[in-house]
Amino acid sequence: MTEINALCVYCGATDSVDPLFLDQAYSFGAQLARNSIALVYGGGRAGSMGRIADGALSGKGHVTGIIPDYLVDKELAHTGIDELVQVDSMHTRKMEMFKRADAFCILPGGLGTLDEFFEIVTWKQLGMHDKPVILLNQNEYWTPMISCLNHMGKTGFIRRSPNEIFHIAQDFDHVMELLELAPVPQVAANTARF
């Protein structure tokens, strides 16, 4: 089993969603803090992003946000977190989040969340890393996408079974169980290969 000290969470940045998703993000942040797992996330203050950070902070957890300059300029950064790292681009943001995390969890979100999820699982499929990736299928949010990915696997367009690339959790307790059972990574993350 690997020791998970920092979890990168990809999630939505809009408040225009069912409040249940926002409340659940807050609870997960607090749970990370209780388990002494630092949060690495996109640095925003709105939506699930802001709520998970606030939840972690409420439990005295450590929170690092990685945010591109242009989003800071739009005043979307969470200024109350432990560390706010400004970067020059979305690509740099994703790379910095990758470097700082031992594992990844994807909460419900929109296009940006999908972009982050697909990039991190593509890197894993290509053998560029083998850090744990967990898709949190809260309230069956990701079920249509999971069906699509399974179809892609069955038709041969995904070389490895989706189950080999990421795990699916139904709730936060299941996420924590999967993190505890995660094997020690065997692939040294070599950023020169990215």
C-alpha atoms as a PDB file:
ATOM      1  CA  MET A   1       0.000   0.000   0.000  1.00  0.00           C
ATOM      2  CA  THR A   2       1.124   3.509  -0.748  1.00  0.00           C
ATOM      3  CA  GLU A   3       0.982   6.397   1.678  1.00  0.00           C
ATOM      4  CA  ILE A   4      -1.343   9.122   0.434  1.00  0.00           C
ATOM      5  CA  ASN A   5      -0.214  12.450   1.852  1.00  0.00           C
ATOM      6  CA  ALA A   6      -1.764  14.715  -0.789  1.00  0.00           C
ATOM      7  CA  LEU A   7      -4.880  14.128  -2.879  1.00  0.00           C
ATOM      8  CA  CYS A   8      -5.581  16.121  -6.016  1.00  0.00           C
ATOM      9  CA  VAL A   9      -9.316  16.696  -6.418  1.00  0.00           C
ATOM     10  CA  TYR A  10     -10.819  17.762  -9.737  1.00  0.00           C
ATOM     11  CA  CYS A  11     -14.306  19.246  -9.404  1.00  0.00           C
ATOM     12  CA  GLY A  12     -16.723  21.894 -10.614  1.00  0.00           C
ATOM     13  CA  ALA A  13     -16.337  25.638 -10.144  1.00  0.00           C
ATOM     14  CA  THR A  14     -19.930  26.791 -10.431  1.00  0.00           C
ATOM     15  CA  ASP A  15     -22.486  27.491  -7.727  1.00  0.00           C
ATOM     16  CA  SER A  16     -25.360  26.939 -10.182  1.00  0.00           C
ATOM     17  CA  VAL A  17     -25.789  23.263  -9.292  1.00  0.00           C
ATOM     18  CA  ASP A  18     -27.812  21.225  -6.832  1.00  0.00           C
ATOM     19  CA  PRO A  19     -26.612  22.349  -3.365  1.00  0.00           C
ATOM     20  CA  LEU A  20     -26.231  18.670  -2.471  1.00  0.00           C
ATOM     21  CA  PHE A  21     -23.057  18.511  -4.605  1.00  0.00           C
ATOM     22  CA  LEU A  22     -21.634  21.584  -2.840  1.00  0.00           C
ATOM     23  CA  ASP A  23     -22.441  20.214   0.605  1.00  0.00           C
ATOM     24  CA  GLN A  24     -20.891  16.871  -0.269  1.00  0.00           C
ATOM     25  CA  ALA A  25     -17.705  18.589  -1.478  1.00  0.00           C
ATOM     26  CA  TYR A  26     -17.473  20.467   1.835  1.00  0.00           C
ATOM     27  CA  SER A  27     -17.899  17.216   3.777  1.00  0.00           C
ATOM     28  CA  PHE A  28     -15.203  15.502   1.713  1.00  0.00           C
ATOM     29  CA  GLY A  29     -12.766  18.341   2.382  1.00  0.00           C
ATOM     30  CA  ALA A  30     -13.403  17.987   6.102  1.00  0.00           C
ATOM     31  CA  GLN A  31     -12.909  14.215   5.841  1.00  0.00           C
ATOM     32  CA  LEU A  32      -9.549  14.712   4.123  1.00  0.00           C
ATOM     33  CA  ALA A  33      -8.467  16.977   6.963  1.00  0.00           C
ATOM     34  CA  ARG A  34      -9.557  14.398   9.574  1.00  0.00           C
ATOM     35  CA  ASN A  35      -7.408  11.819   7.780  1.00  0.00           C
ATOM     36  CA  SER A  36      -4.392  14.170   7.540  1.00  0.00           C
ATOM     37  CA  ILE A  37      -4.499  14.177   3.746  1.00  0.00           C
ATOM     38  CA  ALA A  38      -3.584  17.498   2.168  1.00  0.00           C
ATOM     39  CA  LEU A  39      -5.840  18.840  -0.574  1.00  0.00           C
ATOM     40  CA  VAL A  40      -4.421  19.890  -3.935  1.00  0.00           C
ATOM     41  CA  TYR A  41      -7.009  21.498  -6.186  1.00  0.00           C
ATOM     42  CA  GLY A  42      -7.603  24.179  -8.808  1.00  0.00           C
ATOM     43  CA  GLY A  43      -7.425  27.164  -6.449  1.00  0.00           C
ATOM     44  CA  GLY A  44     -10.921  28.531  -7.048  1.00  0.00           C
ATOM     45  CA  ARG A  45     -13.360  29.911  -4.515  1.00  0.00           C
ATOM     46  CA  ALA A  46     -16.636  29.067  -6.305  1.00  0.00           C
ATOM     47  CA  GLY A  47     -18.639  25.874  -6.594  1.00  0.00           C
ATOM     48  CA  SER A  48     -17.370  22.537  -5.367  1.00  0.00           C
ATOM     49  CA  MET A  49     -13.838  23.875  -5.616  1.00  0.00           C
ATOM     50  CA  GLY A  50     -14.450  26.522  -2.999  1.00  0.00           C
ATOM     51  CA  ARG A  51     -16.522  24.211  -0.843  1.00  0.00           C
ATOM     52  CA  ILE A  52     -13.977  21.391  -0.695  1.00  0.00           C
ATOM     53  CA  ALA A  53     -11.262  23.882   0.223  1.00  0.00           C
ATOM     54  CA  ASP A  54     -13.453  25.412   2.926  1.00  0.00           C
ATOM     55  CA  GLY A  55     -14.251  21.952   4.284  1.00  0.00           C
ATOM     56  CA  ALA A  56     -10.577  21.034   4.497  1.00  0.00           C
ATOM     57  CA  LEU A  57      -9.747  24.347   6.149  1.00  0.00           C
ATOM     58  CA  SER A  58     -12.546  23.859   8.679  1.00  0.00           C
ATOM     59  CA  GLY A  59     -10.742  20.714   9.851  1.00  0.00           C
ATOM     60  CA  LYS A  60      -7.339  22.425   9.920  1.00  0.00           C
ATOM     61  CA  GLY A  61      -6.239  20.539   6.814  1.00  0.00           C
ATOM     62  CA  HIS A  62      -3.587  21.848   4.447  1.00  0.00           C
ATOM     63  CA  VAL A  63      -4.909  23.246   1.159  1.00  0.00           C
ATOM     64  CA  THR A  64      -2.856  24.064  -1.932  1.00  0.00           C
ATOM     65  CA  GLY A  65      -4.536  25.703  -4.901  1.00  0.00           C
ATOM     66  CA  ILE A  66      -2.970  25.876  -8.359  1.00  0.00           C
ATOM     67  CA  ILE A  67      -4.522  28.555 -10.548  1.00  0.00           C
ATOM     68  CA  PRO A  68      -3.630  30.234 -13.851  1.00  0.00           C
ATOM     69  CA  ASP A  69      -2.911  33.963 -13.757  1.00  0.00           C
ATOM     70  CA  TYR A  70      -5.890  34.857 -15.920  1.00  0.00           C
ATOM     71  CA  LEU A  71      -8.306  33.300 -13.406  1.00  0.00           C
ATOM     72  CA  VAL A  72      -6.652  35.231 -10.581  1.00  0.00           C
ATOM     73  CA  ASP A  73      -7.128  38.390 -12.659  1.00  0.00           C
ATOM     74  CA  LYS A  74     -10.865  37.589 -12.819  1.00  0.00           C
ATOM     75  CA  GLU A  75     -10.863  37.462  -9.000  1.00  0.00           C
ATOM     76  CA  LEU A  76     -11.804  33.790  -8.912  1.00  0.00           C
ATOM     77  CA  ALA A  77      -8.961  32.674  -6.621  1.00  0.00           C
ATOM     78  CA  HIS A  78      -9.560  31.425  -3.090  1.00  0.00           C
ATOM     79  CA  THR A  79      -7.391  33.752  -1.026  1.00  0.00           C
ATOM     80  CA  GLY A  80      -7.984  32.009   2.314  1.00  0.00           C
ATOM     81  CA  ILE A  81      -6.077  28.795   1.606  1.00  0.00           C
ATOM     82  CA  ASP A  82      -2.630  27.804   2.868  1.00  0.00           C
ATOM     83  CA  GLU A  83      -0.841  28.064  -0.459  1.00  0.00           C
ATOM     84  CA  LEU A  84      -2.016  29.640  -3.704  1.00  0.00           C
ATOM     85  CA  VAL A  85       0.315  28.924  -6.615  1.00  0.00           C
ATOM     86  CA  GLN A  86      -0.148  31.092  -9.704  1.00  0.00           C
ATOM     87  CA  VAL A  87       0.937  29.575 -13.009  1.00  0.00           C
ATOM     88  CA  ASP A  88       1.012  30.766 -16.609  1.00  0.00           C
ATOM     89  CA  SER A  89      -1.389  28.298 -18.245  1.00  0.00           C
ATOM     90  CA  MET A  90      -3.910  25.506 -17.804  1.00  0.00           C
ATOM     91  CA  HIS A  91      -1.296  22.990 -18.940  1.00  0.00           C
ATOM     92  CA  THR A  92       1.179  24.196 -16.314  1.00  0.00           C
ATOM     93  CA  ARG A  93      -1.605  24.055 -13.732  1.00  0.00           C
ATOM     94  CA  LYS A  94      -2.349  20.393 -14.494  1.00  0.00           C
ATOM     95  CA  MET A  95       1.326  19.465 -14.425  1.00  0.00           C
ATOM     96  CA  GLU A  96       1.861  21.224 -11.095  1.00  0.00           C
ATOM     97  CA  MET A  97      -1.190  19.502  -9.608  1.00  0.00           C
ATOM     98  CA  PHE A  98       0.165  16.172 -10.858  1.00  0.00           C
ATOM     99  CA  LYS A  99       3.583  16.739  -9.275  1.00  0.00           C
ATOM    100  CA  ARG A 100       2.128  17.646  -5.878  1.00  0.00           C
ATOM    101  CA  ALA A 101      -0.359  14.758  -5.583  1.00  0.00           C
ATOM    102  CA  ASP A 102      -0.032  11.116  -4.595  1.00  0.00           C
ATOM    103  CA  ALA A 103      -3.481  10.265  -6.002  1.00  0.00           C
ATOM    104  CA  PHE A 104      -6.443  11.832  -7.819  1.00  0.00           C
ATOM    105  CA  CYS A 105     -10.165  11.967  -7.154  1.00  0.00           C
ATOM    106  CA  ILE A 106     -12.713  13.301  -9.630  1.00  0.00           C
ATOM    107  CA  LEU A 107     -15.929  14.763  -8.236  1.00  0.00           C
ATOM    108  CA  PRO A 108     -18.896  15.860 -10.346  1.00  0.00           C
ATOM    109  CA  GLY A 109     -17.979  18.777 -12.591  1.00  0.00           C
ATOM    110  CA  GLY A 110     -18.134  20.212 -16.076  1.00  0.00           C
ATOM    111  CA  LEU A 111     -15.868  20.464 -19.099  1.00  0.00           C
ATOM    112  CA  GLY A 112     -12.800  21.513 -17.118  1.00  0.00           C
ATOM    113  CA  THR A 113     -13.219  18.531 -14.816  1.00  0.00           C
ATOM    114  CA  LEU A 114     -13.583  16.223 -17.806  1.00  0.00           C
ATOM    115  CA  ASP A 115     -10.438  17.697 -19.345  1.00  0.00           C
ATOM    116  CA  GLU A 116      -8.473  17.027 -16.161  1.00  0.00           C
ATOM    117  CA  PHE A 117      -9.870  13.508 -15.771  1.00  0.00           C
ATOM    118  CA  PHE A 118      -9.194  12.477 -19.356  1.00  0.00           C
ATOM    119  CA  GLU A 119      -5.665  13.851 -19.299  1.00  0.00           C
ATOM    120  CA  ILE A 120      -4.694  12.091 -16.068  1.00  0.00           C
ATOM    121  CA  VAL A 121      -6.158   8.728 -17.183  1.00  0.00           C
ATOM    122  CA  THR A 122      -4.574   9.088 -20.635  1.00  0.00           C
ATOM    123  CA  TRP A 123      -1.196   9.618 -18.982  1.00  0.00           C
ATOM    124  CA  LYS A 124      -1.852   6.518 -16.879  1.00  0.00           C
ATOM    125  CA  GLN A 125      -2.913   4.416 -19.872  1.00  0.00           C
ATOM    126  CA  LEU A 126       0.315   5.433 -21.626  1.00  0.00           C
ATOM    127  CA  GLY A 127       2.361   4.293 -18.611  1.00  0.00           C
ATOM    128  CA  MET A 128       3.542   7.779 -17.699  1.00  0.00           C
ATOM    129  CA  HIS A 129       2.386   7.278 -14.106  1.00  0.00           C
ATOM    130  CA  ASP A 130       0.544   4.729 -12.000  1.00  0.00           C
ATOM    131  CA  LYS A 131      -0.816   6.914  -9.223  1.00  0.00           C
ATOM    132  CA  PRO A 132      -4.322   5.970  -8.061  1.00  0.00           C
ATOM    133  CA  VAL A 133      -7.201   7.660  -9.916  1.00  0.00           C
ATOM    134  CA  ILE A 134     -10.688   7.471  -8.401  1.00  0.00           C
ATOM    135  CA  LEU A 135     -13.855   8.613 -10.130  1.00  0.00           C
ATOM    136  CA  LEU A 136     -16.474   9.514  -7.514  1.00  0.00           C
ATOM    137  CA  ASN A 137     -19.825   8.589  -9.007  1.00  0.00           C
ATOM    138  CA  GLN A 138     -21.867  10.640  -6.540  1.00  0.00           C
ATOM    139  CA  ASN A 139     -25.587  10.397  -7.120  1.00  0.00           C
ATOM    140  CA  GLU A 140     -24.822   8.419 -10.329  1.00  0.00           C
ATOM    141  CA  TYR A 141     -23.453  11.628 -11.872  1.00  0.00           C
ATOM    142  CA  TRP A 142     -20.793   9.897 -13.979  1.00  0.00           C
ATOM    143  CA  THR A 143     -22.851   6.793 -14.928  1.00  0.00           C
ATOM    144  CA  PRO A 144     -23.444   7.860 -18.579  1.00  0.00           C
ATOM    145  CA  MET A 145     -19.717   8.550 -19.038  1.00  0.00           C
ATOM    146  CA  ILE A 146     -18.772   5.253 -17.404  1.00  0.00           C
ATOM    147  CA  SER A 147     -21.063   3.456 -19.882  1.00  0.00           C
ATOM    148  CA  CYS A 148     -19.366   5.275 -22.745  1.00  0.00           C
ATOM    149  CA  LEU A 149     -15.882   4.366 -21.475  1.00  0.00           C
ATOM    150  CA  ASN A 150     -16.881   0.718 -21.074  1.00  0.00           C
ATOM    151  CA  HIS A 151     -18.197   0.770 -24.652  1.00  0.00           C
ATOM    152  CA  MET A 152     -14.900   2.250 -25.849  1.00  0.00           C
ATOM    153  CA  GLY A 153     -13.061  -0.548 -24.043  1.00  0.00           C
ATOM    154  CA  LYS A 154     -15.261  -3.279 -25.516  1.00  0.00           C
ATOM    155  CA  THR A 155     -14.759  -1.943 -29.040  1.00  0.00           C
ATOM    156  CA  GLY A 156     -10.985  -1.801 -28.614  1.00  0.00           C
ATOM    157  CA  PHE A 157     -10.483   1.954 -28.656  1.00  0.00           C
ATOM    158  CA  ILE A 158      -9.150   1.890 -25.110  1.00  0.00           C
ATOM    159  CA  ARG A 159      -6.243  -0.556 -24.948  1.00  0.00           C
ATOM    160  CA  ARG A 160      -6.586  -1.314 -21.255  1.00  0.00           C
ATOM    161  CA  SER A 161      -9.840  -1.988 -19.463  1.00  0.00           C
ATOM    162  CA  PRO A 162     -11.125   1.197 -17.813  1.00  0.00           C
ATOM    163  CA  ASN A 163     -11.096  -0.778 -14.532  1.00  0.00           C
ATOM    164  CA  GLU A 164      -7.307  -1.027 -14.832  1.00  0.00           C
ATOM    165  CA  ILE A 165      -6.879   2.719 -15.300  1.00  0.00           C
ATOM    166  CA  PHE A 166      -9.184   4.102 -12.617  1.00  0.00           C
ATOM    167  CA  HIS A 167     -11.478   2.993  -9.824  1.00  0.00           C
ATOM    168  CA  ILE A 168     -15.082   3.997  -9.281  1.00  0.00           C
ATOM    169  CA  ALA A 169     -16.309   4.965  -5.822  1.00  0.00           C
ATOM    170  CA  GLN A 170     -19.914   5.587  -4.836  1.00  0.00           C
ATOM    171  CA  ASP A 171     -19.233   7.691  -1.737  1.00  0.00           C
ATOM    172  CA  PHE A 172     -16.425   9.334   0.203  1.00  0.00           C
ATOM    173  CA  ASP A 173     -15.905   6.393   2.570  1.00  0.00           C
ATOM    174  CA  HIS A 174     -15.310   4.195  -0.484  1.00  0.00           C
ATOM    175  CA  VAL A 175     -12.767   6.745  -1.790  1.00  0.00           C
ATOM    176  CA  MET A 176     -10.884   6.519   1.506  1.00  0.00           C
ATOM    177  CA  GLU A 177     -10.944   2.697   1.380  1.00  0.00           C
ATOM    178  CA  LEU A 178      -9.545   2.701  -2.152  1.00  0.00           C
ATOM    179  CA  LEU A 179      -6.786   5.107  -1.128  1.00  0.00           C
ATOM    180  CA  GLU A 180      -5.836   2.864   1.795  1.00  0.00           C
ATOM    181  CA  LEU A 181      -5.626  -0.162  -0.513  1.00  0.00           C
ATOM    182  CA  ALA A 182      -3.715   1.574  -3.308  1.00  0.00           C
ATOM    183  CA  PRO A 183      -0.522  -0.265  -4.275  1.00  0.00           C
ATOM    184  CA  VAL A 184       2.819   1.467  -4.143  1.00  0.00           C
ATOM    185  CA  PRO A 185       3.428   3.141  -7.528  1.00  0.00           C
ATOM    186  CA  GLN A 186       5.970   1.309  -9.675  1.00  0.00           C
ATOM    187  CA  VAL A 187       6.352   3.993 -12.336  1.00  0.00           C
ATOM    188  CA  ALA A 188       8.694   6.827 -11.476  1.00  0.00           C
ATOM    189  CA  ALA A 189       6.988  10.031 -12.614  1.00  0.00           C
ATOM    190  CA  ASN A 190       9.506  11.417 -15.074  1.00  0.00           C
ATOM    191  CA  THR A 191       8.323  14.879 -16.059  1.00  0.00           C
ATOM    192  CA  ALA A 192      10.649  14.898 -19.049  1.00  0.00           C
ATOM    193  CA  ARG A 193       8.297  12.354 -20.657  1.00  0.00           C
ATOM    194  CA  PHE A 194       5.273  14.634 -20.410  1.00  0.00           C
END
